[in-house]
Amino acid sequence: MKVSGRGTSRPAQENEATSFLTGALATVAEHFGVEIQNIRKEGQPMAIAIIKNARFGEENGETILAHHKESEDEA
């Protein structure tokens, strides 16, 4: 992620990237629903965000997040 301003760009600082991600998850939660969990894996704390009714896909070489309704065949 790059932060732009006054004709230049730079890599985002940790606090900027964290704010961006938190804001994006809040927006996604309004449309899909997001479940969060704190876990430990290999002794390290981790935060997991599970986006409900969504799937990642690819469109024109870009990763996309699409709304997905489960069919009865998938249940």
N, C-alpha and C. Protein backbone atom coordinates (compact mmCIF):
# COMPACT_ATOMS: atom_id res chain seq x y z
N MET A 1 0.84 -1.16 0.00
CA MET A 1 0.00 0.00 0.00
C MET A 1 0.89 1.23 0.00
N LYS A 2 0.55 2.16 -0.85
CA LYS A 2 1.30 3.42 -0.93
C LYS A 2 0.40 4.57 -0.47
N VAL A 3 1.00 5.52 0.20
CA VAL A 3 0.30 6.73 0.62
C VAL A 3 0.77 7.84 -0.32
N SER A 4 -0.17 8.54 -0.94
CA SER A 4 0.23 9.58 -1.88
C SER A 4 -0.12 10.96 -1.34
N GLY A 5 0.61 11.93 -1.83
CA GLY A 5 0.36 13.31 -1.46
C GLY A 5 1.35 14.23 -2.13
N ARG A 6 0.88 15.34 -2.62
CA ARG A 6 1.72 16.35 -3.26
C ARG A 6 2.59 15.77 -4.36
N GLY A 7 2.03 14.89 -5.17
CA GLY A 7 2.76 14.36 -6.32
C GLY A 7 3.77 13.27 -6.01
N THR A 8 3.82 12.80 -4.78
CA THR A 8 4.75 11.73 -4.42
C THR A 8 3.98 10.60 -3.76
N SER A 9 4.63 9.47 -3.59
CA SER A 9 4.04 8.37 -2.83
C SER A 9 5.14 7.69 -2.03
N ARG A 10 4.71 7.06 -0.95
CA ARG A 10 5.65 6.35 -0.08
C ARG A 10 4.94 5.15 0.51
N PRO A 11 5.69 4.16 0.98
CA PRO A 11 5.05 3.03 1.65
C PRO A 11 4.32 3.52 2.90
N ALA A 12 3.20 2.89 3.19
CA ALA A 12 2.42 3.25 4.38
C ALA A 12 3.19 2.87 5.64
N GLN A 13 3.05 3.70 6.65
CA GLN A 13 3.60 3.37 7.96
C GLN A 13 2.66 2.38 8.64
N GLU A 14 3.15 1.71 9.67
CA GLU A 14 2.36 0.67 10.34
C GLU A 14 1.01 1.20 10.82
N ASN A 15 0.99 2.37 11.45
CA ASN A 15 -0.27 2.90 11.97
C ASN A 15 -1.24 3.26 10.84
N GLU A 16 -0.74 3.72 9.71
CA GLU A 16 -1.59 4.04 8.57
C GLU A 16 -2.19 2.77 7.96
N ALA A 17 -1.37 1.74 7.81
CA ALA A 17 -1.85 0.48 7.26
C ALA A 17 -2.88 -0.16 8.18
N THR A 18 -2.65 -0.10 9.48
CA THR A 18 -3.59 -0.65 10.45
C THR A 18 -4.92 0.09 10.40
N SER A 19 -4.88 1.41 10.32
CA SER A 19 -6.10 2.21 10.22
C SER A 19 -6.86 1.90 8.94
N PHE A 20 -6.14 1.77 7.84
CA PHE A 20 -6.77 1.45 6.56
C PHE A 20 -7.47 0.09 6.63
N LEU A 21 -6.79 -0.91 7.17
CA LEU A 21 -7.35 -2.26 7.25
C LEU A 21 -8.57 -2.29 8.18
N THR A 22 -8.48 -1.63 9.32
CA THR A 22 -9.60 -1.59 10.26
C THR A 22 -10.81 -0.92 9.63
N GLY A 23 -10.59 0.18 8.94
CA GLY A 23 -11.68 0.88 8.25
C GLY A 23 -12.30 0.04 7.16
N ALA A 24 -11.46 -0.65 6.40
CA ALA A 24 -11.96 -1.52 5.33
C ALA A 24 -12.79 -2.66 5.90
N LEU A 25 -12.34 -3.27 6.98
CA LEU A 25 -13.11 -4.36 7.60
C LEU A 25 -14.44 -3.85 8.15
N ALA A 26 -14.46 -2.66 8.71
CA ALA A 26 -15.71 -2.08 9.21
C ALA A 26 -16.70 -1.87 8.06
N THR A 27 -16.20 -1.40 6.93
CA THR A 27 -17.06 -1.19 5.76
C THR A 27 -17.57 -2.51 5.23
N VAL A 28 -16.72 -3.50 5.13
CA VAL A 28 -17.12 -4.83 4.66
C VAL A 28 -18.15 -5.43 5.62
N ALA A 29 -17.98 -5.21 6.91
CA ALA A 29 -18.90 -5.75 7.91
C ALA A 29 -20.31 -5.21 7.71
N GLU A 30 -20.45 -3.99 7.22
CA GLU A 30 -21.77 -3.41 6.97
C GLU A 30 -22.52 -4.17 5.88
N HIS A 31 -21.80 -4.77 4.95
CA HIS A 31 -22.42 -5.43 3.79
C HIS A 31 -22.43 -6.96 3.90
N PHE A 32 -21.40 -7.54 4.49
CA PHE A 32 -21.26 -8.98 4.53
C PHE A 32 -21.39 -9.54 5.94
N GLY A 33 -20.85 -8.85 6.90
CA GLY A 33 -20.71 -9.37 8.25
C GLY A 33 -19.29 -9.90 8.43
N VAL A 34 -18.67 -9.56 9.51
CA VAL A 34 -17.30 -9.99 9.78
C VAL A 34 -17.24 -10.57 11.18
N GLU A 35 -16.64 -11.73 11.29
CA GLU A 35 -16.42 -12.36 12.59
C GLU A 35 -14.93 -12.27 12.87
N ILE A 36 -14.56 -11.88 14.07
CA ILE A 36 -13.14 -11.77 14.40
C ILE A 36 -12.79 -12.75 15.51
N GLN A 37 -11.58 -13.25 15.47
CA GLN A 37 -11.08 -14.16 16.48
C GLN A 37 -9.62 -13.86 16.75
N ASN A 38 -9.23 -13.95 18.00
CA ASN A 38 -7.83 -13.85 18.38
C ASN A 38 -7.36 -15.25 18.72
N ILE A 39 -6.26 -15.66 18.11
CA ILE A 39 -5.72 -17.00 18.34
C ILE A 39 -4.21 -16.91 18.56
N ARG A 40 -3.62 -18.04 18.90
CA ARG A 40 -2.17 -18.18 18.95
C ARG A 40 -1.79 -19.32 18.02
N LYS A 41 -0.79 -19.11 17.21
CA LYS A 41 -0.29 -20.15 16.31
C LYS A 41 1.23 -20.12 16.40
N GLU A 42 1.80 -21.27 16.69
CA GLU A 42 3.24 -21.39 16.86
C GLU A 42 3.76 -20.36 17.88
N GLY A 43 2.94 -20.12 18.92
CA GLY A 43 3.33 -19.22 19.99
C GLY A 43 3.13 -17.74 19.70
N GLN A 44 2.69 -17.41 18.49
CA GLN A 44 2.51 -16.01 18.10
C GLN A 44 1.04 -15.63 18.14
N PRO A 45 0.71 -14.44 18.69
CA PRO A 45 -0.68 -14.00 18.64
C PRO A 45 -1.07 -13.63 17.22
N MET A 46 -2.29 -13.99 16.84
CA MET A 46 -2.81 -13.68 15.51
C MET A 46 -4.25 -13.24 15.61
N ALA A 47 -4.64 -12.34 14.73
CA ALA A 47 -6.02 -11.89 14.62
C ALA A 47 -6.56 -12.40 13.30
N ILE A 48 -7.73 -13.01 13.35
CA ILE A 48 -8.36 -13.55 12.15
C ILE A 48 -9.67 -12.82 11.92
N ALA A 49 -9.90 -12.39 10.68
CA ALA A 49 -11.18 -11.79 10.30
C ALA A 49 -11.82 -12.71 9.28
N ILE A 50 -13.01 -13.20 9.59
CA ILE A 50 -13.74 -14.08 8.69
C ILE A 50 -14.88 -13.27 8.08
N ILE A 51 -14.87 -13.15 6.77
CA ILE A 51 -15.88 -12.37 6.06
C ILE A 51 -16.99 -13.31 5.64
N LYS A 52 -18.18 -13.09 6.18
CA LYS A 52 -19.31 -13.97 5.93
C LYS A 52 -19.88 -13.74 4.54
N ASN A 53 -20.41 -14.79 3.94
CA ASN A 53 -21.06 -14.73 2.63
C ASN A 53 -20.20 -14.08 1.56
N ALA A 54 -18.91 -14.38 1.58
CA ALA A 54 -17.99 -13.78 0.61
C ALA A 54 -16.98 -14.81 0.13
N ARG A 55 -16.47 -14.56 -1.05
CA ARG A 55 -15.40 -15.38 -1.61
C ARG A 55 -14.41 -14.49 -2.33
N PHE A 56 -13.14 -14.86 -2.24
CA PHE A 56 -12.13 -14.19 -3.05
C PHE A 56 -12.15 -14.82 -4.43
N GLY A 57 -11.88 -14.02 -5.41
CA GLY A 57 -11.79 -14.50 -6.78
C GLY A 57 -10.77 -13.67 -7.52
N GLU A 58 -10.78 -13.82 -8.83
CA GLU A 58 -9.85 -13.08 -9.66
C GLU A 58 -10.59 -12.54 -10.86
N GLU A 59 -10.31 -11.29 -11.19
CA GLU A 59 -10.93 -10.66 -12.34
C GLU A 59 -9.87 -9.77 -12.99
N ASN A 60 -9.58 -10.05 -14.24
CA ASN A 60 -8.57 -9.27 -14.98
C ASN A 60 -7.23 -9.24 -14.26
N GLY A 61 -6.85 -10.37 -13.65
CA GLY A 61 -5.58 -10.47 -12.96
C GLY A 61 -5.54 -9.82 -11.58
N GLU A 62 -6.67 -9.30 -11.12
CA GLU A 62 -6.75 -8.65 -9.81
C GLU A 62 -7.57 -9.51 -8.85
N THR A 63 -7.19 -9.54 -7.59
CA THR A 63 -7.97 -10.25 -6.57
C THR A 63 -9.20 -9.43 -6.25
N ILE A 64 -10.35 -10.10 -6.23
CA ILE A 64 -11.61 -9.41 -5.89
C ILE A 64 -12.27 -10.14 -4.73
N LEU A 65 -13.15 -9.44 -4.04
CA LEU A 65 -13.98 -10.02 -2.99
C LEU A 65 -15.41 -9.91 -3.47
N ALA A 66 -16.07 -11.04 -3.59
CA ALA A 66 -17.42 -11.06 -4.14
C ALA A 66 -18.41 -11.62 -3.13
N HIS A 67 -19.62 -11.08 -3.16
CA HIS A 67 -20.71 -11.60 -2.34
C HIS A 67 -21.06 -12.99 -2.84
N HIS A 68 -21.26 -13.91 -1.94
CA HIS A 68 -21.56 -15.29 -2.32
C HIS A 68 -22.73 -15.79 -1.51
N LYS A 69 -23.78 -16.19 -2.18
CA LYS A 69 -24.92 -16.83 -1.51
C LYS A 69 -24.78 -18.33 -1.70
N GLU A 70 -24.84 -19.04 -0.60
CA GLU A 70 -24.68 -20.50 -0.63
C GLU A 70 -25.93 -21.15 -1.22
N SER A 71 -25.70 -22.01 -2.20
CA SER A 71 -26.82 -22.75 -2.76
C SER A 71 -27.09 -23.97 -1.88
N GLU A 72 -28.25 -24.58 -2.05
CA GLU A 72 -28.58 -25.75 -1.24
C GLU A 72 -27.62 -26.90 -1.52
N ASP A 73 -27.05 -26.96 -2.73
CA ASP A 73 -26.08 -28.01 -3.06
C ASP A 73 -24.80 -27.88 -2.25
N GLU A 74 -24.44 -26.65 -1.84
CA GLU A 74 -23.21 -26.41 -1.10
C GLU A 74 -23.41 -26.55 0.40
N ALA A 75 -24.64 -26.51 0.88
CA ALA A 75 -24.93 -26.54 2.31
C ALA A 75 -24.53 -27.86 2.94
